[in-house]
Protein backbone atom coordinates (compact mmCIF):
# COMPACT_ATOMS: atom_id res chain seq x y z
CA MET A 1 2.64 45.39 -93.73
CA SER A 2 0.03 43.78 -91.47
CA ASN A 3 0.47 42.85 -87.84
CA PRO A 4 -0.45 39.36 -86.71
CA ALA A 5 -3.72 39.13 -84.79
CA VAL A 6 -3.44 39.92 -81.10
CA LYS A 7 -4.45 37.01 -78.89
CA PRO A 8 -7.39 37.92 -76.60
CA ILE A 9 -5.73 35.92 -73.79
CA PRO A 10 -1.97 36.56 -73.76
CA GLU A 11 0.42 33.66 -74.20
CA ASN A 12 1.14 31.78 -70.95
CA MET A 13 -1.86 33.30 -69.14
CA HIS A 14 -4.96 31.52 -67.84
CA SER A 15 -8.52 32.78 -68.09
CA ILE A 16 -8.57 33.70 -64.39
CA THR A 17 -5.61 35.37 -62.68
CA PRO A 18 -5.73 36.59 -59.07
CA HIS A 19 -4.83 40.27 -58.71
CA LEU A 20 -3.79 41.04 -55.12
CA VAL A 21 -3.70 44.46 -53.50
CA CYS A 22 -0.98 44.64 -50.87
CA ALA A 23 0.20 47.38 -48.55
CA GLY A 24 3.84 46.85 -49.52
CA ALA A 25 3.64 44.95 -52.82
CA SER A 26 7.44 44.89 -53.21
CA ASP A 27 7.71 43.18 -49.82
CA ALA A 28 4.91 40.81 -50.86
CA ILE A 29 6.89 39.79 -53.94
CA ALA A 30 9.92 39.02 -51.77
CA PHE A 31 7.72 37.06 -49.33
CA TYR A 32 6.06 35.03 -52.11
CA ALA A 33 9.49 34.17 -53.51
CA LYS A 34 10.67 32.92 -50.11
CA ALA A 35 7.40 31.21 -49.09
CA PHE A 36 6.19 29.75 -52.39
CA GLY A 37 9.12 29.93 -54.82
CA ALA A 38 7.54 32.79 -56.79
CA VAL A 39 9.48 34.25 -59.70
CA GLU A 40 9.04 37.95 -60.46
CA LEU A 41 7.87 38.46 -64.04
CA ALA A 42 6.97 42.15 -64.20
CA ARG A 43 7.17 45.32 -62.12
CA LEU A 44 5.80 48.78 -62.91
CA PRO A 45 6.46 51.36 -60.21
CA GLY A 46 4.41 54.54 -60.13
CA PRO A 47 5.86 58.04 -59.75
CA ASP A 48 5.74 57.80 -55.94
CA GLY A 49 7.50 54.41 -55.87
CA ARG A 50 4.41 52.32 -55.11
CA LEU A 51 3.85 49.48 -57.52
CA MET A 52 1.09 50.16 -60.00
CA HIS A 53 1.41 46.62 -61.34
CA ALA A 54 3.57 43.57 -60.84
CA MET A 55 3.31 39.90 -61.73
CA VAL A 56 4.85 36.76 -60.26
CA GLY A 57 4.75 33.16 -61.39
CA ILE A 58 4.14 30.35 -58.92
CA GLY A 59 4.20 26.90 -60.48
CA ASP A 60 2.24 27.09 -63.72
CA SER A 61 0.17 30.10 -62.62
CA LYS A 62 0.52 33.86 -62.45
CA ILE A 63 -0.53 36.34 -59.79
CA MET A 64 -0.75 40.07 -60.40
CA LEU A 65 -0.03 42.50 -57.55
CA ALA A 66 -0.32 46.19 -56.90
CA ASP A 67 0.27 48.41 -53.93
CA ALA A 68 -2.73 49.77 -52.10
CA TYR A 69 -3.97 53.07 -53.50
CA PRO A 70 -6.63 54.08 -50.96
CA GLU A 71 -7.01 57.44 -52.69
CA PHE A 72 -8.44 55.46 -55.64
CA GLY A 73 -10.45 53.01 -53.50
CA SER A 74 -7.85 50.23 -53.73
CA ARG A 75 -7.20 48.69 -50.30
CA GLY A 76 -5.59 45.46 -49.15
CA PRO A 77 -7.09 42.96 -46.71
CA LYS A 78 -5.45 44.50 -43.64
CA ALA A 79 -7.11 47.87 -44.33
CA LEU A 80 -10.41 46.07 -44.85
CA GLY A 81 -10.14 44.02 -41.67
CA GLY A 82 -9.64 40.69 -43.44
CA THR A 83 -10.45 38.96 -46.69
CA PRO A 84 -13.27 36.71 -47.86
CA VAL A 85 -10.97 35.24 -50.55
CA THR A 86 -8.60 32.28 -50.19
CA ILE A 87 -5.96 31.60 -52.82
CA HIS A 88 -5.70 27.83 -53.31
CA LEU A 89 -2.21 26.50 -54.01
CA TYR A 90 -1.68 22.88 -55.07
CA VAL A 91 1.89 21.70 -54.49
CA GLU A 92 3.83 18.45 -54.57
CA ASP A 93 4.47 18.51 -50.79
CA ALA A 94 1.98 20.47 -48.68
CA ASP A 95 3.91 19.85 -45.46
CA GLN A 96 7.12 21.29 -46.87
CA THR A 97 5.40 24.30 -48.47
CA PHE A 98 3.31 25.01 -45.36
CA ALA A 99 6.43 24.93 -43.15
CA GLN A 100 8.33 27.11 -45.66
CA ALA A 101 5.52 29.69 -45.70
CA VAL A 102 5.38 29.82 -41.89
CA ALA A 103 9.17 30.11 -41.70
CA ALA A 104 8.98 33.01 -44.20
CA GLY A 105 6.48 34.89 -41.97
CA ALA A 106 3.01 33.47 -42.66
CA THR A 107 0.69 32.60 -39.77
CA SER A 108 -1.00 29.22 -39.55
CA LYS A 109 -4.78 29.65 -39.62
CA MET A 110 -5.66 25.97 -40.08
CA PRO A 111 -2.98 23.32 -39.53
CA LEU A 112 -2.46 20.72 -42.24
CA GLU A 113 -4.72 17.68 -42.08
CA ASP A 114 -5.70 14.84 -44.37
CA MET A 115 -9.17 15.97 -45.46
CA PHE A 116 -12.30 14.06 -46.37
CA TRP A 117 -12.10 15.15 -50.02
CA GLY A 118 -8.69 13.52 -50.51
CA ASP A 119 -6.28 16.43 -50.03
CA ARG A 120 -3.70 17.14 -47.36
CA TYR A 121 -4.84 20.71 -46.66
CA GLY A 122 -4.14 23.70 -44.43
CA ILE A 123 -4.42 27.49 -44.47
CA VAL A 124 -1.87 30.22 -43.81
CA VAL A 125 -2.29 33.99 -43.73
CA ASP A 126 0.55 35.92 -45.35
CA PRO A 127 2.00 39.05 -43.73
CA PHE A 128 -0.16 41.19 -46.06
CA GLY A 129 -3.46 39.64 -44.93
CA HIS A 130 -4.08 37.28 -47.85
CA GLU A 131 -5.16 33.72 -47.03
CA TRP A 132 -3.56 30.78 -48.84
CA SER A 133 -4.83 27.24 -48.69
CA ILE A 134 -2.01 24.81 -49.38
CA ALA A 135 -2.84 21.31 -50.58
CA THR A 136 -1.45 18.12 -52.01
CA HIS A 137 -3.97 15.75 -53.55
CA LYS A 138 -3.46 12.32 -51.98
CA ARG A 139 -6.56 10.26 -52.81
CA ASP A 140 -9.07 10.18 -55.63
CA LEU A 141 -12.56 9.72 -54.19
CA THR A 142 -16.02 9.42 -55.65
CA PRO A 143 -18.58 12.17 -54.95
CA GLU A 144 -20.38 9.71 -52.69
CA GLU A 145 -17.23 9.02 -50.65
CA ILE A 146 -16.62 12.77 -50.29
CA SER A 147 -20.22 13.29 -49.19
CA LYS A 148 -19.95 10.56 -46.56
CA GLY A 149 -16.69 12.06 -45.32
CA ALA A 150 -18.27 15.51 -45.03
CA GLU A 151 -21.23 14.09 -43.12
CA ALA A 152 -18.89 12.26 -40.73
CA MET A 153 -16.82 15.41 -40.16
CA PHE A 154 -19.87 17.53 -39.36
CA ALA A 155 -21.37 14.78 -37.19
CA ALA A 156 -18.16 14.77 -35.19
CA GLY A 157 -18.48 18.52 -34.68
CA ALA A 158 -15.39 19.56 -36.63
CA LYS A 159 -14.92 23.32 -36.66
CA GLY A 160 -12.78 25.65 -38.74
CA CYS A 161 -12.77 23.55 -41.88
CA ALA A 162 -12.92 25.66 -45.01
CA ALA A 163 -15.80 24.82 -47.29
CA SER A 164 -14.30 23.49 -50.48
């Protein structure tokens, strides 16, 4: 009896999947459910109770999580003093999702604005130190229109805008 061929990319997964290290991954799962409507898909606790692996679904995407294991060199953004990575989340209503995330315990890093590239866009930092940009696409623009908008923003001296 032969087994069917194993798919190199599992069913319902994308080629790229963020894998977040969190000091308190179980709490992060609860936060992501409250802030972003995440649904827990998997949880594998280790012998000491820390999560070795977990996965949540948000919209049509998956995020893997694990607890920090500093003894193995695995640290979250708070232990590292911040993160250079922003997780981008497209939603139907950025204002509602942004407010929901802040109400759940996120901190606003960049308030929502209508941006020169056509998105309503803002950034929050979750209680575990991960940054999330939240956006709703509102206008389709040509590359030339986006370029002119960027030039105008920088000419006006805008600060704090994430480079996207």
